[in-house]
Protein backbone atom coordinates (compact mmCIF):
# COMPACT_ATOMS: atom_id res chain seq x y z
CA MET A 1 -100.86 34.58 255.26
CA LEU A 2 -100.46 31.54 252.99
CA ARG A 3 -103.61 29.65 251.92
CA LYS A 4 -104.18 26.75 249.54
CA ILE A 5 -107.09 27.34 247.15
CA CYS A 6 -107.04 24.12 245.13
CA ASP A 7 -104.45 21.74 243.70
CA ASN A 8 -101.26 23.69 242.88
CA LEU A 9 -102.88 27.10 243.49
CA TYR A 10 -102.11 29.24 246.56
CA THR A 11 -102.58 32.79 247.74
CA ILE A 12 -100.21 34.96 249.75
CA LYS A 13 -101.92 37.81 251.62
CA ILE A 14 -99.84 41.00 251.38
CA ARG A 15 -100.54 44.04 253.56
CA LEU A 16 -100.90 47.38 251.75
CA VAL A 17 -99.96 49.73 254.56
CA GLY A 18 -101.70 53.10 254.39
CA SER A 19 -104.01 52.04 251.55
CA PRO A 20 -107.81 51.75 251.82
CA LEU A 21 -107.44 48.57 249.76
CA ARG A 22 -105.95 46.98 252.95
CA ASP A 23 -104.22 44.05 251.28
CA LEU A 24 -103.36 42.28 248.03
CA ASN A 25 -103.97 38.65 247.10
CA CYS A 26 -100.82 37.36 245.42
CA TYR A 27 -101.59 34.10 243.62
CA VAL A 28 -99.04 31.34 243.01
CA LEU A 29 -99.36 28.41 240.60
CA ARG A 30 -96.92 25.54 241.12
CA SER A 31 -95.78 22.70 238.86
CA ALA A 32 -92.78 20.38 238.51
CA GLU A 33 -91.52 22.37 235.53
CA ARG A 34 -92.04 25.99 236.53
CA ASN A 35 -94.12 28.24 238.76
CA LEU A 36 -96.03 31.46 238.19
CA LEU A 37 -96.42 34.26 240.76
CA ILE A 38 -99.21 36.75 240.00
CA ASP A 39 -99.05 40.32 241.40
CA THR A 40 -96.57 41.48 244.03
CA GLY A 41 -97.72 44.43 246.17
CA PHE A 42 -96.33 47.95 246.57
CA ASN A 43 -92.66 48.78 246.72
CA GLN A 44 -92.73 49.13 250.49
CA PRO A 45 -90.95 47.12 253.22
CA GLU A 46 -94.11 45.58 254.66
CA CYS A 47 -95.20 44.23 251.26
CA LEU A 48 -91.75 42.81 250.58
CA ALA A 49 -91.63 41.16 254.01
CA ASP A 50 -95.05 39.55 253.53
CA LEU A 51 -94.20 38.38 250.03
CA ARG A 52 -90.88 36.86 251.07
CA GLN A 53 -92.50 35.15 254.05
CA GLY A 54 -95.15 33.61 251.82
CA ILE A 55 -92.52 32.47 249.32
CA ALA A 56 -90.56 30.86 252.15
CA GLU A 57 -93.63 29.15 253.66
CA LEU A 58 -94.50 27.75 250.25
CA GLY A 59 -90.92 26.65 249.63
CA LEU A 60 -91.07 28.42 246.28
CA ASP A 61 -87.86 28.42 244.24
CA MET A 62 -87.80 31.81 242.52
CA ARG A 63 -85.15 30.49 240.12
CA GLU A 64 -87.98 28.41 238.63
CA THR A 65 -90.70 31.07 238.93
CA ASP A 66 -92.01 33.49 236.33
CA ILE A 67 -94.01 36.59 237.30
CA LEU A 68 -97.21 38.05 235.88
CA ALA A 69 -98.79 41.43 236.62
CA THR A 70 -102.53 41.58 235.93
CA HIS A 71 -102.04 45.28 235.20
CA LEU A 72 -99.64 48.17 235.60
CA HIS A 73 -100.70 49.68 238.94
CA SER A 74 -97.87 49.67 241.44
CA ASP A 75 -99.71 47.60 244.07
CA HIS A 76 -99.57 44.81 241.48
CA CYS A 77 -96.04 45.14 240.17
CA GLY A 78 -94.11 47.41 242.54
CA LEU A 79 -91.83 44.59 243.75
CA ILE A 80 -91.13 42.73 240.50
CA ASP A 81 -87.60 44.11 240.21
CA LYS A 82 -86.81 42.91 243.76
CA ILE A 83 -87.92 39.28 243.38
CA VAL A 84 -87.45 38.31 239.72
CA MET A 85 -84.46 36.06 239.10
CA PRO A 86 -82.15 36.32 236.07
CA GLY A 87 -83.54 34.57 233.02
CA ARG A 88 -87.12 34.34 234.32
CA LYS A 89 -90.06 35.76 232.35
CA VAL A 90 -92.23 38.69 233.43
CA TYR A 91 -95.64 39.11 231.76
CA ILE A 92 -98.13 41.98 231.46
CA GLY A 93 -100.96 42.84 229.05
CA GLU A 94 -99.71 44.36 225.81
CA ALA A 95 -101.63 47.65 226.15
CA ASP A 96 -100.20 48.23 229.64
CA LYS A 97 -96.73 47.33 228.40
CA ALA A 98 -97.18 49.90 225.63
CA LEU A 99 -97.99 52.54 228.25
CA LEU A 100 -94.86 51.66 230.22
CA ASP A 101 -92.75 51.75 227.07
CA ALA A 102 -94.24 54.97 225.68
CA GLY A 103 -91.49 57.53 225.23
CA THR A 104 -88.37 58.25 227.21
CA ASP A 105 -90.00 60.96 229.34
CA VAL A 106 -92.64 58.94 231.17
CA SER A 107 -93.51 61.90 233.37
CA SER A 108 -95.10 63.55 230.31
CA GLY A 109 -98.00 61.15 230.81
CA TRP A 110 -98.52 62.43 234.33
CA ARG A 111 -98.42 66.00 233.03
CA ALA A 112 -101.09 65.17 230.45
CA GLY A 113 -103.32 63.70 233.14
CA ARG A 114 -102.81 66.66 235.45
CA GLU A 115 -103.58 69.07 232.62
CA ARG A 116 -106.98 67.48 232.04
CA PHE A 117 -107.72 67.57 235.77
CA ARG A 118 -106.76 71.26 235.79
CA ARG A 119 -109.14 71.96 232.89
CA GLU A 120 -111.85 70.12 234.83
CA GLY A 121 -111.51 72.56 237.74
CA PHE A 122 -109.24 70.63 240.15
CA PRO A 123 -107.47 73.33 242.24
CA VAL A 124 -103.90 73.64 240.97
CA GLU A 125 -102.11 73.50 244.34
CA ALA A 126 -104.12 70.48 245.46
CA LEU A 127 -103.55 68.86 242.09
CA GLU A 128 -99.78 69.18 242.34
CA GLU A 129 -99.82 67.77 245.87
CA ALA A 130 -102.03 64.86 244.80
CA ALA A 131 -99.70 64.03 241.91
CA ARG A 132 -96.61 64.27 244.14
CA THR A 133 -97.97 61.98 246.87
CA ASN A 134 -99.87 59.51 244.65
CA SER A 135 -98.97 55.97 245.75
CA ALA A 136 -98.90 54.86 242.12
CA ARG A 137 -95.62 56.77 241.82
CA ALA A 138 -94.35 56.90 245.39
CA LEU A 139 -94.60 53.11 245.84
CA ALA A 140 -93.67 52.01 242.33
CA ALA A 141 -90.73 49.86 241.34
CA ASP A 142 -87.24 51.32 241.71
CA LYS A 143 -86.12 50.17 238.26
CA ASP A 144 -87.51 48.86 235.01
CA VAL A 145 -87.83 45.17 234.22
CA ALA A 146 -88.17 43.76 230.72
CA MET A 147 -91.73 42.49 230.26
CA ILE A 148 -93.35 40.13 227.76
CA PRO A 149 -96.70 41.35 226.38
CA LEU A 150 -99.75 39.13 226.78
CA THR A 151 -102.49 39.08 224.14
CA ASP A 152 -106.16 38.27 224.36
CA GLY A 153 -106.76 34.52 224.10
CA GLN A 154 -103.12 33.60 224.67
CA ILE A 155 -102.58 30.38 226.64
CA LEU A 156 -99.95 30.14 229.38
CA ARG A 157 -98.96 26.65 230.49
CA ILE A 158 -97.72 26.05 234.02
CA GLY A 159 -97.05 22.33 233.95
CA ASP A 160 -100.45 20.75 233.27
CA ILE A 161 -102.30 23.97 234.16
CA ARG A 162 -103.60 26.02 231.23
CA LEU A 163 -104.34 29.70 231.80
CA GLN A 164 -106.34 31.59 229.20
CA CYS A 165 -105.45 35.28 229.08
CA ILE A 166 -108.54 37.47 228.78
CA HIS A 167 -108.09 41.13 227.87
CA THR A 168 -110.45 43.14 230.09
CA PRO A 169 -109.80 46.85 229.45
CA GLY A 170 -111.32 49.34 231.85
CA HIS A 171 -109.46 49.54 235.14
CA THR A 172 -106.39 49.94 232.94
CA PRO A 173 -106.18 49.68 229.14
CA GLY A 174 -104.27 46.38 229.24
CA HIS A 175 -105.84 44.69 232.27
CA MET A 176 -105.77 40.87 232.07
CA CYS A 177 -107.86 38.17 233.75
CA LEU A 178 -106.68 34.54 233.76
CA TYR A 179 -109.04 31.57 233.39
CA ASN A 180 -108.53 27.87 234.05
CA GLU A 181 -111.33 25.79 232.51
CA GLN A 182 -110.48 22.55 234.30
CA ALA A 183 -110.72 23.88 237.87
CA LYS A 184 -113.09 26.68 236.84
CA PHE A 185 -111.14 29.45 238.55
CA MET A 186 -110.58 32.96 237.25
CA ILE A 187 -107.90 35.29 238.56
CA LEU A 188 -109.66 38.64 238.31
CA GLY A 189 -107.06 41.25 239.21
CA ASP A 190 -108.97 44.48 239.85
CA HIS A 191 -111.58 43.83 237.14
CA VAL A 192 -114.11 42.42 239.63
CA LEU A 193 -113.84 43.20 243.34
CA PHE A 194 -116.51 42.11 245.77
CA ASP A 195 -116.89 44.48 248.72
CA ILE A 196 -115.41 47.53 247.03
CA THR A 197 -115.93 48.89 243.52
CA PRO A 198 -112.96 48.98 241.11
CA ASN A 199 -111.88 52.50 240.25
CA ILE A 200 -112.63 53.30 236.61
CA THR A 201 -110.89 56.47 235.53
CA ALA A 202 -110.36 58.27 232.23
CA TRP A 203 -107.33 56.93 230.31
CA PRO A 204 -106.05 59.05 227.38
CA PRO A 205 -105.30 56.04 225.11
CA LEU A 206 -108.63 54.33 225.87
CA PRO A 207 -111.50 56.60 224.83
CA ASN A 208 -114.67 56.01 226.82
CA THR A 209 -113.04 53.87 229.48
CA LEU A 210 -116.29 53.06 231.25
CA ALA A 211 -117.87 51.67 228.08
CA HIS A 212 -114.94 49.28 227.65
CA TYR A 213 -115.13 48.30 231.30
CA MET A 214 -118.82 47.46 231.16
CA ARG A 215 -118.33 45.56 227.92
CA SER A 216 -115.51 43.57 229.56
CA LEU A 217 -117.74 42.74 232.53
CA ARG A 218 -120.47 41.40 230.26
CA MET A 219 -117.93 39.39 228.30
CA ILE A 220 -116.45 37.47 231.25
CA ARG A 221 -119.92 36.89 232.70
CA SER A 222 -120.33 34.08 230.15
CA TYR A 223 -117.42 32.07 231.59
CA ASP A 224 -118.12 29.07 233.83
CA VAL A 225 -116.43 30.16 237.07
CA ASP A 226 -116.77 28.36 240.40
CA ILE A 227 -113.77 30.01 242.07
CA PRO A 228 -113.51 33.79 241.48
CA LEU A 229 -110.18 35.16 242.70
CA PRO A 230 -110.07 38.96 243.18
CA ALA A 231 -106.85 40.86 243.82
CA HIS A 232 -108.17 42.53 246.98
CA ARG A 233 -110.16 41.25 249.95
CA GLU A 234 -112.54 38.27 249.64
CA CYS A 235 -115.60 37.07 247.71
CA SER A 236 -119.08 37.65 249.10
CA CYS A 237 -121.15 36.15 246.26
CA SER A 238 -120.75 34.46 242.88
CA MET A 239 -118.89 36.20 240.07
CA THR A 240 -122.04 36.60 237.96
CA GLU A 241 -123.92 38.12 240.88
CA ARG A 242 -121.13 40.60 241.49
CA ILE A 243 -120.89 41.52 237.81
CA ASP A 244 -124.62 42.26 237.77
CA GLN A 245 -124.17 44.43 240.87
CA LEU A 246 -121.29 46.34 239.27
CA LEU A 247 -123.23 46.94 236.05
CA ALA A 248 -126.23 48.16 238.02
CA HIS A 249 -123.95 50.41 240.09
CA HIS A 250 -122.59 52.13 236.99
CA GLU A 251 -126.02 52.46 235.39
CA THR A 252 -127.21 54.20 238.55
CA ARG A 253 -124.13 56.37 238.67
CA LEU A 254 -124.59 57.36 235.02
CA ALA A 255 -128.16 58.41 235.72
CA ASP A 256 -127.02 60.40 238.77
CA THR A 257 -124.23 62.07 236.80
CA LEU A 258 -126.62 63.03 234.02
CA ALA A 259 -129.04 64.47 236.58
CA ILE A 260 -126.21 66.55 238.09
CA VAL A 261 -125.30 68.01 234.69
CA ARG A 262 -128.95 68.73 233.86
CA ALA A 263 -129.39 70.59 237.14
CA ASN A 264 -126.11 72.52 236.75
CA PRO A 265 -125.55 73.58 233.11
CA GLY A 266 -121.91 74.47 232.44
CA ILE A 267 -120.59 72.47 235.41
CA ASN A 268 -117.01 71.16 235.33
CA GLY A 269 -115.80 67.64 236.13
CA TYR A 270 -114.39 68.54 239.55
CA ASP A 271 -117.73 69.95 240.71
CA VAL A 272 -119.60 66.97 239.25
CA ALA A 273 -117.45 64.69 241.41
CA GLY A 274 -118.23 66.86 244.44
CA ARG A 275 -121.97 66.32 243.91
CA MET A 276 -121.74 62.55 243.35
CA ARG A 277 -122.41 60.08 246.19
CA TRP A 278 -119.34 58.35 247.65
CA SER A 279 -118.93 55.74 250.36
CA ILE A 280 -116.29 57.54 252.38
CA ARG A 281 -116.01 59.01 255.87
CA ALA A 282 -115.91 62.70 255.04
CA LYS A 283 -118.49 65.32 256.00
CA ASP A 284 -118.33 67.09 252.67
CA TRP A 285 -116.37 67.34 249.41
CA GLY A 286 -114.02 69.95 250.81
CA ARG A 287 -112.85 67.53 253.52
CA PHE A 288 -112.30 64.54 251.24
CA PRO A 289 -108.82 63.01 251.62
CA LEU A 290 -106.77 64.34 248.73
CA ALA A 291 -105.86 60.91 247.34
CA GLN A 292 -109.52 59.86 247.32
CA LYS A 293 -110.50 63.14 245.69
CA TRP A 294 -108.04 62.34 242.87
CA PHE A 295 -109.71 58.95 242.28
CA ALA A 296 -113.21 60.43 242.58
CA VAL A 297 -112.57 63.05 239.91
CA GLY A 298 -111.06 60.44 237.60
CA GLU A 299 -114.16 58.28 237.99
CA ALA A 300 -116.46 61.25 237.43
CA LEU A 301 -114.63 61.98 234.16
CA ALA A 302 -115.10 58.37 233.02
CA HIS A 303 -118.87 58.72 233.53
CA LEU A 304 -118.94 62.10 231.81
CA ASP A 305 -117.01 60.68 228.84
CA TYR A 306 -119.56 57.85 228.59
CA LEU A 307 -122.50 60.25 228.63
CA ARG A 308 -120.83 62.46 226.03
CA ALA A 309 -120.23 59.47 223.73
CA ALA A 310 -123.88 58.46 224.19
CA GLY A 311 -125.02 61.92 223.13
CA ASP A 312 -126.58 62.78 226.49
CA ILE A 313 -124.27 65.70 227.23
CA ARG A 314 -121.92 68.02 225.36
CA GLN A 315 -118.58 69.49 226.35
CA GLU A 316 -117.26 73.01 225.79
CA ILE A 317 -114.15 74.92 226.84
CA ARG A 318 -114.91 78.22 228.52
CA ASP A 319 -112.01 80.42 229.61
CA GLY A 320 -109.71 77.40 229.60
CA LEU A 321 -112.01 75.22 231.70
CA THR A 322 -114.32 72.40 230.67
CA ALA A 323 -118.06 72.94 230.89
CA TYR A 324 -120.69 70.19 230.53
CA THR A 325 -124.31 70.76 229.50
CA ALA A 326 -127.10 68.24 228.94
CA ASN A 327 -128.45 67.83 225.42
CA THR A 328 -132.12 68.66 225.32
CA ALA A 329 -132.77 66.03 222.63
CA ASN A 330 -132.35 63.27 225.23
CA THR A 331 -135.16 63.46 227.77
CA THR A 332 -134.63 60.21 229.69
CA ASN A 333 -132.83 59.99 233.02
CA THR A 334 -130.41 57.28 231.94
CA ALA A 335 -127.51 57.11 229.52
CA ASN A 336 -128.35 56.18 225.95
CA THR A 337 -126.17 53.07 225.87
CA ALA A 338 -127.63 51.89 222.57
CA LYS A 339 -125.59 54.54 220.76
CA LEU A 340 -122.27 53.30 222.09
CA ASP A 341 -119.86 51.16 220.07
CA PHE A 342 -118.21 48.59 222.34
CA SER A 343 -116.38 46.77 219.55
CA ASN A 344 -112.63 46.38 219.19
CA PRO A 345 -111.23 48.13 222.27
CA PRO A 346 -107.69 49.37 221.58
CA ARG A 347 -104.95 47.10 222.87
CA GLN A 348 -101.99 49.34 222.31
CA SER A 349 -101.13 52.99 222.01
CA ASN A 350 -97.93 54.95 221.62
CA ALA A 351 -99.51 58.02 223.18
CA PRO A 352 -97.85 59.13 226.43
CA ALA A 353 -99.81 58.10 229.51
CA ALA A 354 -99.31 57.74 233.23
CA ALA A 355 -96.85 54.88 233.77
CA LEU A 356 -98.16 53.82 237.12
CA ALA A 357 -95.88 50.85 237.63
CA ARG A 358 -92.58 52.65 237.92
CA LYS A 359 -91.05 55.77 239.38
CA THR A 360 -90.15 58.73 237.19
């Protein structure tokens, strides 16, 4: 459960019961002055037991330990309120903090997300059930914790260890990676995973989520990293190799999505997702597990948004539902990425959005 990675850096393996992710890698940096614990697991008894066991095995004094969440999903910050000690700091990327702070009625963000899914053809009864049982809400923290926003390029010092905060929007708007130049390790959160593909979904405050994600991948590819540290499972290759695989995966998926729209003019997002290829044990789209269907539709929308921004497809509303049609001006089978503007991804928004790190 507890493993030493290099000097003063450890990982605690935390089970994610009932999740296809299987487990979470909680990273701990130690120093004589203070410690930093990165990501916590779901708000569920098994996660809390594993986390506490790892803390005990490490002999970690939580009175001297700050906490950092790489992003707002509840498998990364669902237990913060249960382990943070009075006076200690809790960090998260500023765009994700803005989402958590947006408005007093956080559930309005969930309603906005469900409304888009409804317009995209997701059956209403299944949509309500998916929203009700979504682990992002069901296993989120019981109460709010004051968080300090992290900005791109900010340096955190844990004793002699310097961590550079790298804003990598895509998986969430405020996702952060952490880089140590001396030991050449990068804590990746869910930005780069090695034997599964990070879910990239449509976020209301981050237009064209997939474009920002791919831009973020290319940006961190330039870092000198010997020790890539993903939030889930293990590494199977170098970070640059995996980034190239992820970029190729999304290029292929964009081409497939465009082909689906060309073959089915007027198709909605739900039916696009049903025609996409997924690595899941289900005989057909109708028998997809509901939670995975939710993620699949979100990812389909991210690819449709990318193609629309590139000018490959257009979107219309017909009888209250979204309809996508290919633009005849573009005759290639791939997305026209040259038209996309990857510059200056938004770091903060006051628009209501799904606050995935806490219950509502």
